[in-house]
């Protein structure tokens, strides 16, 4: 079995380091503090899928360092509340919001989404989550909670990079899970759970090719900065993360593991 390696604490704790900024730019083409499989094109698409307007109140589950939430709030003029279980990520997000003078418009809180969300029924017009629901033990629980906090007609967009579409060995599952706790679902189950939770499924987009490309770019960006990153992370953690990224690239390029982007709506 693969040993656990740290991605999130290192990425968020070293957010302001120039070395990590260079890796993000080489991987994604821009710097939003990302640790996900979201391309720049998808980042621009999400506000349109959510039908956001300046009056919208938006919830992000798994905000990480908060840069994407800040971008959405700035571009759309909406209000965003981002939550994450990672303390380093939330601390960085709050600092960035203050620095951008956007703290009243864009807020961040630490929250364990495996429990009931601490927000009232119908608090938000829209919700999104980039590659974060896969960390939560019960998919049906979190979908029902997201439905509850949305207003009638509100939309949800979330991605899942752990949709099983072929044979995967126990070794590859261990490597793919080495950076955290994960839930893998067979192809087609998300669609059924979305509807069972009470949402209307609007569309399901296959973004596997983009995830494969980002995994390869991320691996190469880190490999070209090997010694500098080892100084930050240590040799064992660096090698563990490289093994993780290589595994993601293999499984997605062979389409044994899919990444899907779902858009759902609460009935009016």
Protein backbone atom coordinates (compact mmCIF):
# COMPACT_ATOMS: atom_id res chain seq x y z
CA UNK A 1 0.00 0.00 0.00
CA UNK A 2 1.12 3.58 -0.66
CA UNK A 3 2.14 5.79 2.28
CA UNK A 4 0.15 8.96 2.90
CA UNK A 5 1.72 12.10 1.44
CA UNK A 6 0.88 15.76 2.02
CA UNK A 7 -0.46 17.89 -0.82
CA UNK A 8 -2.89 20.35 0.74
CA UNK A 9 -1.00 21.59 3.81
CA UNK A 10 2.12 22.11 1.71
CA UNK A 11 0.28 23.80 -1.15
CA UNK A 12 -1.71 26.16 1.09
CA UNK A 13 1.02 26.68 3.69
CA UNK A 14 3.53 27.59 0.96
CA UNK A 15 0.96 29.47 -1.12
CA UNK A 16 2.96 32.72 -1.24
CA UNK A 17 6.26 31.05 -2.14
CA UNK A 18 7.40 31.99 -5.66
CA UNK A 19 8.34 28.38 -6.37
CA UNK A 20 4.75 27.18 -5.87
CA UNK A 21 3.40 30.09 -7.91
CA UNK A 22 5.64 29.04 -10.79
CA UNK A 23 4.35 25.46 -10.56
CA UNK A 24 0.72 26.65 -10.67
CA UNK A 25 1.33 28.87 -13.69
CA UNK A 26 3.19 26.10 -15.55
CA UNK A 27 0.33 23.70 -14.77
CA UNK A 28 -2.77 25.83 -15.29
CA UNK A 29 -1.59 28.84 -17.27
CA UNK A 30 -2.71 31.16 -14.47
CA UNK A 31 -2.44 31.33 -10.69
CA UNK A 32 -5.60 30.87 -8.64
CA UNK A 33 -3.92 28.90 -5.88
CA UNK A 34 -5.27 25.71 -7.45
CA UNK A 35 -4.87 22.12 -6.32
CA UNK A 36 -7.67 20.80 -8.53
CA UNK A 37 -8.25 19.54 -12.06
CA UNK A 38 -10.07 22.69 -13.18
CA UNK A 39 -8.84 24.25 -16.43
CA UNK A 40 -9.01 28.00 -17.09
CA UNK A 41 -11.81 27.29 -19.57
CA UNK A 42 -13.84 25.46 -16.93
CA UNK A 43 -13.20 28.26 -14.41
CA UNK A 44 -14.79 30.70 -16.85
CA UNK A 45 -17.66 28.31 -17.57
CA UNK A 46 -18.80 27.71 -13.98
CA UNK A 47 -20.41 31.16 -13.36
CA UNK A 48 -22.41 30.74 -16.59
CA UNK A 49 -23.54 27.24 -15.59
CA UNK A 50 -24.68 28.67 -12.25
CA UNK A 51 -26.53 31.60 -13.88
CA UNK A 52 -24.76 34.03 -11.53
CA UNK A 53 -25.75 37.69 -11.33
CA UNK A 54 -24.62 40.60 -9.17
CA UNK A 55 -27.38 39.89 -6.61
CA UNK A 56 -26.46 36.18 -6.25
CA UNK A 57 -25.42 34.65 -2.94
CA UNK A 58 -23.01 31.80 -3.72
CA UNK A 59 -21.64 28.92 -1.64
CA UNK A 60 -18.33 27.19 -2.44
CA UNK A 61 -17.57 23.87 -0.78
CA UNK A 62 -13.82 23.18 -0.73
CA UNK A 63 -12.54 26.73 -1.31
CA UNK A 64 -8.87 25.93 -0.66
CA UNK A 65 -6.83 29.15 -0.77
CA UNK A 66 -9.88 31.13 -1.87
CA UNK A 67 -8.48 32.63 -5.06
CA UNK A 68 -11.16 31.20 -7.33
CA UNK A 69 -13.98 32.39 -5.06
CA UNK A 70 -12.44 35.87 -5.09
CA UNK A 71 -12.28 35.79 -8.88
CA UNK A 72 -15.96 34.79 -9.15
CA UNK A 73 -17.00 37.51 -6.70
CA UNK A 74 -14.99 40.14 -8.56
CA UNK A 75 -16.16 39.15 -12.04
CA UNK A 76 -19.84 38.66 -11.23
CA UNK A 77 -20.24 41.18 -8.41
CA UNK A 78 -21.91 38.47 -6.32
CA UNK A 79 -21.38 37.50 -2.69
CA UNK A 80 -19.46 34.28 -2.01
CA UNK A 81 -19.04 32.20 1.12
CA UNK A 82 -16.26 29.62 0.79
CA UNK A 83 -15.68 26.80 3.25
CA UNK A 84 -12.93 24.23 3.63
CA UNK A 85 -11.84 21.77 6.30
CA UNK A 86 -8.16 22.72 5.81
CA UNK A 87 -7.15 25.41 8.30
CA UNK A 88 -4.16 26.62 6.25
CA UNK A 89 -6.34 27.09 3.19
CA UNK A 90 -9.01 29.08 5.05
CA UNK A 91 -6.39 31.22 6.78
CA UNK A 92 -4.79 32.05 3.41
CA UNK A 93 -8.21 32.77 1.86
CA UNK A 94 -9.15 35.21 4.64
CA UNK A 95 -5.83 37.00 4.27
CA UNK A 96 -6.26 37.31 0.49
CA UNK A 97 -9.80 38.65 0.89
CA UNK A 98 -8.57 41.30 3.32
CA UNK A 99 -5.68 42.26 1.03
CA UNK A 100 -8.08 42.62 -1.91
CA UNK A 101 -10.52 44.67 0.25
CA UNK A 102 -13.21 42.12 -0.57
CA UNK A 103 -13.79 40.66 2.90
CA UNK A 104 -17.42 41.86 3.21
CA UNK A 105 -18.23 40.44 -0.25
CA UNK A 106 -16.21 37.22 -0.07
CA UNK A 107 -16.00 35.36 3.27
CA UNK A 108 -14.28 32.13 4.24
CA UNK A 109 -14.92 29.71 7.10
CA UNK A 110 -13.54 26.38 8.28
CA UNK A 111 -16.25 23.72 8.02
CA UNK A 112 -16.49 19.93 8.14
CA UNK A 113 -18.97 19.17 5.35
CA UNK A 114 -19.30 15.53 6.43
CA UNK A 115 -21.62 16.92 9.13
CA UNK A 116 -24.72 19.08 8.72
CA UNK A 117 -23.86 22.40 7.08
CA UNK A 118 -24.24 25.24 9.63
CA UNK A 119 -26.39 27.36 7.30
CA UNK A 120 -30.13 27.96 7.08
CA UNK A 121 -32.49 26.50 4.52
CA UNK A 122 -32.42 28.53 1.29
CA UNK A 123 -29.44 30.68 2.25
CA UNK A 124 -27.84 30.58 -1.23
CA UNK A 125 -28.79 31.12 -4.87
CA UNK A 126 -26.06 28.82 -6.18
CA UNK A 127 -23.36 26.42 -4.99
CA UNK A 128 -20.26 24.88 -6.53
CA UNK A 129 -17.49 22.51 -5.54
CA UNK A 130 -14.34 21.81 -7.54
CA UNK A 131 -13.06 18.25 -6.95
CA UNK A 132 -13.95 18.30 -3.24
CA UNK A 133 -17.10 16.17 -2.78
CA UNK A 134 -14.96 13.05 -3.29
CA UNK A 135 -13.45 13.68 0.19
CA UNK A 136 -16.83 13.46 1.94
CA UNK A 137 -17.86 9.94 3.08
CA UNK A 138 -21.54 10.13 2.05
CA UNK A 139 -22.35 11.60 -1.37
CA UNK A 140 -26.10 11.46 -0.70
CA UNK A 141 -25.68 13.32 2.62
CA UNK A 142 -23.80 16.26 1.11
CA UNK A 143 -26.07 16.47 -1.92
CA UNK A 144 -29.12 16.67 0.35
CA UNK A 145 -27.42 19.35 2.47
CA UNK A 146 -26.56 21.38 -0.64
CA UNK A 147 -30.17 21.04 -1.82
CA UNK A 148 -31.37 22.26 1.58
CA UNK A 149 -29.24 25.44 1.65
CA UNK A 150 -30.19 26.37 -1.94
CA UNK A 151 -33.21 28.50 -2.76
CA UNK A 152 -35.85 27.13 -5.16
CA UNK A 153 -34.43 27.23 -8.69
CA UNK A 154 -30.86 27.41 -7.37
CA UNK A 155 -28.11 25.60 -9.24
CA UNK A 156 -25.27 23.32 -8.13
CA UNK A 157 -22.11 22.62 -10.13
CA UNK A 158 -19.62 20.04 -8.89
CA UNK A 159 -16.87 17.90 -10.35
CA UNK A 160 -15.84 14.37 -9.44
CA UNK A 161 -12.46 13.06 -10.60
CA UNK A 162 -12.96 9.60 -9.07
CA UNK A 163 -15.55 8.00 -11.35
CA UNK A 164 -14.52 4.39 -11.98
CA UNK A 165 -14.81 3.36 -15.63
CA UNK A 166 -12.53 0.32 -15.84
CA UNK A 167 -10.30 -2.09 -13.96
CA UNK A 168 -8.09 -0.46 -11.30
CA UNK A 169 -5.63 -2.37 -9.13
CA UNK A 170 -5.46 -2.06 -5.35
CA UNK A 171 -1.98 -0.50 -5.76
CA UNK A 172 -3.28 2.23 -8.07
CA UNK A 173 -6.22 2.89 -5.75
CA UNK A 174 -3.79 3.29 -2.84
CA UNK A 175 -1.57 5.68 -4.79
CA UNK A 176 -4.56 7.70 -6.02
CA UNK A 177 -5.78 7.93 -2.40
CA UNK A 178 -2.38 8.74 -0.91
CA UNK A 179 -3.07 12.48 -0.46
CA UNK A 180 -6.32 12.07 1.51
CA UNK A 181 -9.49 10.15 2.22
CA UNK A 182 -11.50 9.49 -0.94
CA UNK A 183 -14.75 7.96 -2.14
CA UNK A 184 -14.75 6.30 -5.59
CA UNK A 185 -18.05 5.86 -7.44
CA UNK A 186 -18.91 3.72 -10.49
CA UNK A 187 -19.81 5.53 -13.69
CA UNK A 188 -23.49 6.56 -13.67
CA UNK A 189 -24.01 6.55 -9.89
CA UNK A 190 -23.53 10.31 -9.42
CA UNK A 191 -26.38 10.97 -11.85
CA UNK A 192 -28.69 8.69 -9.88
CA UNK A 193 -27.67 10.16 -6.51
CA UNK A 194 -28.19 13.71 -7.79
CA UNK A 195 -31.77 12.90 -8.71
CA UNK A 196 -32.37 10.80 -5.59
CA UNK A 197 -31.30 13.78 -3.45
CA UNK A 198 -34.03 15.86 -5.09
CA UNK A 199 -32.11 17.76 -7.79
CA UNK A 200 -32.92 17.90 -11.47
CA UNK A 201 -29.85 16.90 -13.50
CA UNK A 202 -29.21 19.63 -16.10
CA UNK A 203 -26.09 18.18 -17.72
CA UNK A 204 -23.09 15.90 -17.15
CA UNK A 205 -19.86 16.77 -18.98
CA UNK A 206 -16.88 14.44 -19.37
CA UNK A 207 -13.72 16.44 -18.55
CA UNK A 208 -11.37 13.48 -18.23
CA UNK A 209 -9.04 14.59 -21.04
CA UNK A 210 -8.45 17.92 -19.31
CA UNK A 211 -7.67 16.21 -16.00
CA UNK A 212 -5.16 13.95 -17.74
CA UNK A 213 -3.45 16.95 -19.34
CA UNK A 214 -3.27 18.88 -16.07
CA UNK A 215 -1.83 15.89 -14.21
CA UNK A 216 0.98 15.60 -16.78
CA UNK A 217 1.69 19.34 -16.72
CA UNK A 218 1.68 19.36 -12.91
CA UNK A 219 4.08 16.41 -12.79
CA UNK A 220 6.43 18.01 -15.33
CA UNK A 221 6.32 21.42 -13.62
CA UNK A 222 7.33 19.85 -10.32
CA UNK A 223 9.93 17.53 -11.87
CA UNK A 224 11.72 20.47 -13.50
CA UNK A 225 11.98 22.07 -10.03
CA UNK A 226 12.87 18.85 -8.23
CA UNK A 227 15.67 20.01 -5.93
CA UNK A 228 13.99 23.26 -4.94
CA UNK A 229 10.75 21.46 -4.07
CA UNK A 230 12.58 18.77 -2.11
CA UNK A 231 14.01 21.57 0.03
CA UNK A 232 10.43 22.62 0.88
CA UNK A 233 8.76 19.21 1.09
CA UNK A 234 11.44 16.65 1.83
CA UNK A 235 12.47 13.86 -0.54
CA UNK A 236 9.88 11.29 0.55
CA UNK A 237 6.92 13.65 0.18
CA UNK A 238 8.17 14.99 -3.15
CA UNK A 239 8.49 11.48 -4.58
CA UNK A 240 5.09 10.52 -3.15
CA UNK A 241 3.41 13.46 -4.87
CA UNK A 242 5.14 12.68 -8.16
CA UNK A 243 3.94 9.09 -7.92
CA UNK A 244 0.41 10.39 -7.22
CA UNK A 245 0.41 12.71 -10.26
CA UNK A 246 1.80 10.00 -12.52
CA UNK A 247 -0.96 7.66 -11.34
CA UNK A 248 -3.65 10.27 -12.03
CA UNK A 249 -2.27 10.78 -15.54
CA UNK A 250 -2.15 7.04 -16.30
CA UNK A 251 -5.64 6.27 -15.03
CA UNK A 252 -7.29 9.23 -16.76
CA UNK A 253 -5.38 8.95 -20.04
CA UNK A 254 -6.51 5.29 -20.23
CA UNK A 255 -10.03 6.36 -19.12
CA UNK A 256 -10.08 3.81 -16.34
CA UNK A 257 -10.84 6.76 -14.04
CA UNK A 258 -13.06 9.58 -15.30
CA UNK A 259 -13.55 13.17 -14.22
CA UNK A 260 -17.11 14.42 -14.66
CA UNK A 261 -18.62 17.89 -14.26
CA UNK A 262 -22.26 17.94 -13.15
CA UNK A 263 -24.81 20.75 -13.27
CA UNK A 264 -27.99 20.27 -11.25
CA UNK A 265 -30.93 22.46 -10.24
CA UNK A 266 -33.33 22.61 -7.33
CA UNK A 267 -36.94 22.62 -8.43
CA UNK A 268 -38.60 26.06 -8.45
